Amino acid sequence: MQRGHVDVSSLPGGLDLQATVESGQSYLWGREDGRMYETEGPSGGDAWYWTTVREDGRPHVVRARQVDGRLEWESTVDAEPHLRRLLRLDDDLPAVRAASPDDEVVRDAYDAYWGLRLVRDPPFGSLISFICSAQMRVGRIHAMQRALRRSYGEPVEFDGETYRAYPTPEALAAATEDELRDLGLGYRAPYVQRTAEMIADGEADPGEARGLSYEDARESLTRFVGVGDKVADCVLLFSLDYLEAVPLDTWIRKTIAEYYPDCDRGSYAETSRAIREALGGEYAGYAQTYLFHYLRNGGGE
């Protein structure tokens, strides 16, 4: 086993690991104590979290926790480059905040969860997770991803335990709709199966959106079954480096109604364009994620 750590004070703006991985932007991490998404207003904890990464086609477990000013990690590979990528540890949070509007609700959200970073999840896992997100609470979305891992993920032995990698497109493409329904996916089951099939067969790849203009990238992702504009925006923001993306979910629509009513332009595309501009443009997705976590956990009341 390899071990190491990252000095949190060396990161521009620091880090709040719990707020980052339990803020509804990623469902590809788990907590060793099994209490993922159980804490109200999760922030500042020192629990161990884990995910899997691939090197040379093989899955490896990466385990991390934040304690005593350090991000500690354990793995069978050098996990620091993976953590820097997945948790965007090199993002300059003070610069991001400086680009955000100086509105009271935005200031309060940043103050409440300072150190929360956007994630950079693998595109396939992010896509499937957010296809499963329709009409679901964050805890339930995470439970679906755990069920998919248990049933279709490759076993990975680590530190005397058996973990499961996130399923490959081929594994989910081979699943039947009934099998996926039995895991609690409900009406999302055929969307997941067909999307996985599209990727496994080479018909489409979510990574193809990277590098396109923002609007073209969103349209590219809507080719997948079960993917509308909101799910596409989630994948753009939490996987493909489009930090200006603002997914218009229930909480952000409430935010618009209460704090930015002039941004409600009727259509998704026009409202999206207006709220992106109101939240600072280039890093609007950061402001959105802070607001989502803050307001969902009772902030602003």
Protein backbone atom coordinates (compact mmCIF):
# COMPACT_ATOMS: atom_id res chain seq x y z
CA MET A 1 0.00 0.00 0.00
CA GLN A 2 1.14 3.52 -0.79
CA ARG A 3 0.34 6.45 1.49
CA GLY A 4 0.79 10.17 1.19
CA HIS A 5 -0.74 13.53 1.92
CA VAL A 6 -1.35 16.98 0.49
CA ASP A 7 -0.91 20.02 2.73
CA VAL A 8 -4.29 21.76 2.53
CA SER A 9 -2.68 25.15 3.21
CA SER A 10 -0.78 24.74 -0.08
CA LEU A 11 -4.02 24.66 -2.07
CA PRO A 12 -5.32 28.05 -3.30
CA GLY A 13 -8.40 28.52 -1.13
CA GLY A 14 -7.91 25.32 0.86
CA LEU A 15 -10.27 22.36 0.79
CA ASP A 16 -13.42 21.09 2.46
CA LEU A 17 -13.41 17.45 1.41
CA GLN A 18 -16.75 16.57 2.99
CA ALA A 19 -18.57 19.51 1.41
CA THR A 20 -16.96 18.68 -1.93
CA VAL A 21 -17.97 15.02 -2.14
CA GLU A 22 -21.30 15.30 -0.26
CA SER A 23 -22.74 18.35 -2.02
CA GLY A 24 -24.76 16.57 -4.69
CA GLN A 25 -22.27 17.01 -7.51
CA SER A 26 -20.74 13.51 -7.36
CA TYR A 27 -22.19 10.08 -6.65
CA LEU A 28 -18.99 8.17 -7.38
CA TRP A 29 -17.49 8.45 -3.90
CA GLY A 30 -18.40 6.46 -0.81
CA ARG A 31 -17.80 6.88 2.92
CA GLU A 32 -16.05 4.08 4.75
CA ASP A 33 -18.57 4.35 7.59
CA GLY A 34 -21.49 4.01 5.14
CA ARG A 35 -23.00 7.38 6.11
CA MET A 36 -22.68 9.18 2.78
CA TYR A 37 -25.32 11.91 2.41
CA GLU A 38 -26.72 11.29 5.89
CA THR A 39 -25.36 14.47 7.49
CA GLU A 40 -27.32 17.73 7.32
CA GLY A 41 -25.22 20.52 5.88
CA PRO A 42 -22.17 18.27 5.47
CA SER A 43 -18.95 20.18 5.95
CA GLY A 44 -15.59 19.92 7.68
CA GLY A 45 -15.68 16.23 8.65
CA ASP A 46 -12.73 13.84 8.89
CA ALA A 47 -14.32 10.64 7.58
CA TRP A 48 -12.52 8.38 5.13
CA TYR A 49 -13.92 8.50 1.59
CA TRP A 50 -13.11 6.21 -1.30
CA THR A 51 -13.47 5.93 -5.05
CA THR A 52 -11.83 3.91 -7.79
CA VAL A 53 -9.52 5.04 -10.58
CA ARG A 54 -8.04 3.20 -13.53
CA GLU A 55 -4.39 2.88 -14.50
CA ASP A 56 -3.47 0.79 -17.55
CA GLY A 57 -7.06 -0.43 -17.66
CA ARG A 58 -7.02 -1.82 -14.10
CA PRO A 59 -9.16 -0.37 -11.30
CA HIS A 60 -7.53 0.78 -8.06
CA VAL A 61 -9.09 2.01 -4.84
CA VAL A 62 -8.18 5.50 -3.65
CA ARG A 63 -9.06 6.30 -0.04
CA ALA A 64 -8.77 9.83 1.38
CA ARG A 65 -9.64 11.89 4.43
CA GLN A 66 -9.02 15.42 5.63
CA VAL A 67 -7.51 15.72 9.10
CA ASP A 68 -5.08 18.07 10.89
CA GLY A 69 -4.72 20.34 7.87
CA ARG A 70 -3.82 17.52 5.52
CA LEU A 71 -5.56 15.54 2.80
CA GLU A 72 -4.31 12.04 3.61
CA TRP A 73 -4.57 9.22 1.08
CA GLU A 74 -4.03 5.48 0.77
CA SER A 75 -3.94 3.42 -2.42
CA THR A 76 -2.05 0.81 -4.41
CA VAL A 77 -0.96 3.58 -6.79
CA ASP A 78 0.32 7.12 -6.40
CA ALA A 79 -3.03 8.73 -5.69
CA GLU A 80 -1.99 12.39 -5.54
CA PRO A 81 -2.32 13.08 -9.29
CA HIS A 82 -5.70 11.35 -9.30
CA LEU A 83 -6.91 13.39 -6.33
CA ARG A 84 -5.67 16.61 -7.89
CA ARG A 85 -7.65 15.80 -11.02
CA LEU A 86 -10.84 14.42 -9.43
CA LEU A 87 -11.10 17.11 -6.72
CA ARG A 88 -9.74 19.98 -8.82
CA LEU A 89 -7.16 20.75 -6.15
CA ASP A 90 -5.34 23.22 -8.39
CA ASP A 91 -8.35 25.47 -8.94
CA ASP A 92 -7.72 28.95 -7.55
CA LEU A 93 -10.75 29.39 -5.27
CA PRO A 94 -10.01 33.05 -4.36
CA ALA A 95 -9.90 33.91 -8.07
CA VAL A 96 -13.14 31.99 -8.63
CA ARG A 97 -14.82 33.86 -5.81
CA ALA A 98 -13.54 37.22 -7.07
CA ALA A 99 -15.29 36.52 -10.39
CA SER A 100 -18.61 35.82 -8.67
CA PRO A 101 -21.19 38.54 -7.97
CA ASP A 102 -20.93 40.32 -4.63
CA ASP A 103 -24.52 39.43 -3.74
CA GLU A 104 -25.36 38.71 -0.11
CA VAL A 105 -26.64 35.18 -0.76
CA VAL A 106 -23.54 34.30 -2.81
CA ARG A 107 -21.24 35.72 -0.11
CA ASP A 108 -23.07 33.74 2.57
CA ALA A 109 -22.82 30.53 0.55
CA TYR A 110 -19.08 30.92 0.02
CA ASP A 111 -18.55 31.79 3.69
CA ALA A 112 -20.57 28.79 4.86
CA TYR A 113 -18.76 26.17 2.76
CA TRP A 114 -15.45 27.75 1.85
CA GLY A 115 -13.11 25.08 0.48
CA LEU A 116 -15.82 23.24 -1.44
CA ARG A 117 -14.40 22.44 -4.86
CA LEU A 118 -16.06 21.26 -8.02
CA VAL A 119 -15.37 17.63 -8.89
CA ARG A 120 -14.08 16.26 -12.17
CA ASP A 121 -15.75 12.86 -12.36
CA PRO A 122 -15.17 10.38 -15.20
CA PRO A 123 -17.68 11.18 -17.97
CA PHE A 124 -19.46 7.81 -18.06
CA GLY A 125 -20.06 7.60 -14.31
CA SER A 126 -21.17 11.23 -14.20
CA LEU A 127 -23.56 10.70 -17.12
CA ILE A 128 -25.19 7.60 -15.62
CA SER A 129 -25.43 9.20 -12.17
CA PHE A 130 -27.31 12.22 -13.45
CA ILE A 131 -29.57 10.16 -15.69
CA CYS A 132 -30.58 8.51 -12.40
CA SER A 133 -31.07 11.87 -10.68
CA ALA A 134 -34.49 12.79 -12.09
CA GLN A 135 -37.01 13.39 -9.30
CA MET A 136 -34.64 11.93 -6.71
CA ARG A 137 -33.02 13.09 -3.47
CA VAL A 138 -29.23 13.02 -3.33
CA GLY A 139 -29.15 10.06 -0.93
CA ARG A 140 -31.33 7.99 -3.23
CA ILE A 141 -29.23 8.83 -6.29
CA HIS A 142 -26.13 7.70 -4.41
CA ALA A 143 -27.87 4.46 -3.36
CA MET A 144 -28.59 3.69 -7.01
CA GLN A 145 -24.91 4.07 -7.89
CA ARG A 146 -23.94 1.79 -4.99
CA ALA A 147 -26.39 -0.81 -6.29
CA LEU A 148 -24.90 -0.58 -9.78
CA ARG A 149 -21.40 -1.05 -8.34
CA ARG A 150 -22.45 -4.09 -6.31
CA SER A 151 -24.13 -5.81 -9.24
CA TYR A 152 -21.96 -4.86 -12.20
CA GLY A 153 -18.69 -3.40 -10.89
CA GLU A 154 -15.39 -5.24 -11.09
CA PRO A 155 -14.18 -6.40 -7.63
CA VAL A 156 -11.06 -4.66 -6.35
CA GLU A 157 -9.17 -6.05 -3.35
CA PHE A 158 -7.67 -3.40 -1.08
CA ASP A 159 -6.51 -3.46 2.52
CA GLY A 160 -8.26 -6.75 3.24
CA GLU A 161 -11.59 -5.57 1.83
CA THR A 162 -13.38 -6.06 -1.48
CA TYR A 163 -14.51 -2.86 -3.19
CA ARG A 164 -16.31 -2.51 -6.50
CA ALA A 165 -15.24 -0.29 -9.38
CA TYR A 166 -17.89 1.72 -11.14
CA PRO A 167 -19.37 -0.44 -13.93
CA THR A 168 -18.02 -0.14 -17.44
CA PRO A 169 -20.31 0.79 -20.33
CA GLU A 170 -20.07 -2.81 -21.53
CA ALA A 171 -21.23 -4.18 -18.18
CA LEU A 172 -24.32 -1.94 -18.04
CA ALA A 173 -25.08 -2.46 -21.73
CA ALA A 174 -25.28 -6.20 -21.05
CA ALA A 175 -27.78 -5.71 -18.21
CA THR A 176 -31.46 -6.13 -18.90
CA GLU A 177 -34.04 -3.46 -18.22
CA ASP A 178 -35.73 -5.71 -15.65
CA GLU A 179 -32.44 -6.28 -13.82
CA LEU A 180 -31.85 -2.53 -13.58
CA ARG A 181 -35.41 -1.93 -12.42
CA ASP A 182 -34.83 -4.50 -9.66
CA LEU A 183 -31.97 -2.30 -8.42
CA GLY A 184 -34.42 0.56 -7.90
CA LEU A 185 -33.77 2.54 -11.08
CA GLY A 186 -37.45 2.48 -12.05
CA TYR A 187 -38.30 4.25 -15.30
CA ARG A 188 -34.64 5.30 -15.62
CA ALA A 189 -33.59 1.67 -16.26
CA PRO A 190 -34.02 1.72 -20.06
CA TYR A 191 -32.29 5.11 -20.24
CA VAL A 192 -29.25 3.75 -18.41
CA GLN A 193 -29.15 0.54 -20.46
CA ARG A 194 -29.52 2.26 -23.82
CA THR A 195 -27.02 5.01 -23.01
CA ALA A 196 -24.47 2.41 -21.89
CA GLU A 197 -25.15 0.48 -25.09
CA MET A 198 -24.55 3.57 -27.23
CA ILE A 199 -21.15 4.08 -25.59
CA ALA A 200 -20.15 0.39 -25.56
CA ASP A 201 -21.00 0.08 -29.26
CA GLY A 202 -19.04 3.20 -30.19
CA GLU A 203 -22.16 5.01 -31.34
CA ALA A 204 -21.42 8.01 -29.10
CA ASP A 205 -19.03 9.08 -26.35
CA PRO A 206 -19.77 11.74 -23.70
CA GLY A 207 -16.13 12.81 -23.83
CA GLU A 208 -16.69 14.00 -27.39
CA ALA A 209 -18.40 17.09 -25.99
CA ARG A 210 -15.18 18.34 -24.41
CA GLY A 211 -13.70 21.23 -26.35
CA LEU A 212 -16.89 22.17 -28.20
CA SER A 213 -18.53 25.52 -27.64
CA TYR A 214 -20.73 25.47 -24.55
CA GLU A 215 -24.04 25.31 -26.41
CA ASP A 216 -22.75 22.68 -28.85
CA ALA A 217 -21.38 20.60 -25.98
CA ARG A 218 -24.75 20.60 -24.23
CA GLU A 219 -26.48 19.59 -27.46
CA SER A 220 -23.95 16.80 -27.99
CA LEU A 221 -24.80 15.25 -24.62
CA THR A 222 -28.54 15.34 -25.26
CA ARG A 223 -28.00 12.60 -27.87
CA PHE A 224 -27.97 10.12 -25.00
CA VAL A 225 -31.23 8.52 -23.92
CA GLY A 226 -32.71 10.18 -20.85
CA VAL A 227 -30.48 13.26 -21.12
CA GLY A 228 -32.13 16.67 -21.34
CA ASP A 229 -30.58 20.09 -20.90
CA LYS A 230 -30.32 19.88 -17.08
CA VAL A 231 -28.57 16.50 -17.01
CA ALA A 232 -26.29 17.63 -19.84
CA ASP A 233 -25.34 20.74 -17.84
CA CYS A 234 -24.52 18.56 -14.80
CA VAL A 235 -22.12 16.44 -16.85
CA LEU A 236 -20.57 19.52 -18.46
CA LEU A 237 -19.95 21.09 -15.05
CA PHE A 238 -18.98 18.09 -12.93
CA SER A 239 -16.99 16.15 -15.51
CA LEU A 240 -16.04 18.01 -18.67
CA ASP A 241 -14.57 21.31 -17.36
CA TYR A 242 -17.36 23.67 -18.43
CA LEU A 243 -17.18 25.74 -15.26
CA GLU A 244 -19.71 28.23 -16.62
CA ALA A 245 -22.50 25.62 -16.71
CA VAL A 246 -25.47 26.18 -14.37
CA PRO A 247 -27.83 23.18 -14.22
CA LEU A 248 -31.36 24.48 -13.72
CA ASP A 249 -32.57 22.06 -11.07
CA THR A 250 -35.29 22.67 -8.50
CA TRP A 251 -33.00 24.50 -6.06
CA ILE A 252 -31.49 26.81 -8.64
CA ARG A 253 -34.92 27.62 -10.06
CA LYS A 254 -35.98 28.56 -6.51
CA THR A 255 -32.83 30.67 -6.25
CA ILE A 256 -33.72 32.43 -9.49
CA ALA A 257 -37.30 33.05 -8.34
CA GLU A 258 -36.21 34.53 -5.00
CA TYR A 259 -32.92 36.28 -5.77
CA TYR A 260 -32.64 36.69 -9.56
CA PRO A 261 -36.21 36.93 -10.93
CA ASP A 262 -35.09 38.93 -13.97
CA CYS A 263 -33.17 35.84 -15.13
CA ASP A 264 -36.34 33.82 -15.63
CA ARG A 265 -36.76 34.06 -19.40
CA GLY A 266 -39.19 31.18 -19.88
CA SER A 267 -37.09 28.74 -21.93
CA TYR A 268 -34.28 26.67 -20.47
CA ALA A 269 -31.72 28.05 -22.93
CA GLU A 270 -32.51 31.72 -22.31
CA THR A 271 -32.86 31.35 -18.53
CA SER A 272 -29.60 29.43 -18.46
CA ARG A 273 -27.83 32.16 -20.41
CA ALA A 274 -29.17 34.86 -18.09
CA ILE A 275 -28.30 33.14 -14.80
CA ARG A 276 -24.82 32.24 -16.07
CA GLU A 277 -24.21 35.91 -16.72
CA ALA A 278 -25.69 36.93 -13.34
CA LEU A 279 -23.46 34.44 -11.50
CA GLY A 280 -20.27 35.70 -13.07
CA GLY A 281 -19.94 33.98 -16.42
CA GLU A 282 -16.71 31.96 -16.56
CA TYR A 283 -17.06 30.42 -13.08
CA ALA A 284 -20.86 30.58 -12.74
CA GLY A 285 -20.97 26.84 -12.06
CA TYR A 286 -18.89 27.31 -8.92
CA ALA A 287 -21.31 29.92 -7.58
CA GLN A 288 -24.22 27.63 -8.50
CA THR A 289 -22.72 24.69 -6.59
CA TYR A 290 -22.10 26.76 -3.47
CA LEU A 291 -25.65 28.12 -3.67
CA PHE A 292 -27.11 24.64 -4.19
CA HIS A 293 -25.33 23.24 -1.12
CA TYR A 294 -26.07 26.31 0.99
CA LEU A 295 -29.77 26.68 0.17
CA ARG A 296 -30.52 22.94 0.16
CA ASN A 297 -29.20 22.80 3.71
CA GLY A 298 -31.28 25.65 5.05
CA GLY A 299 -29.12 28.66 4.25
CA GLY A 300 -30.86 31.91 3.50
CA GLU A 301 -33.85 31.15 5.71
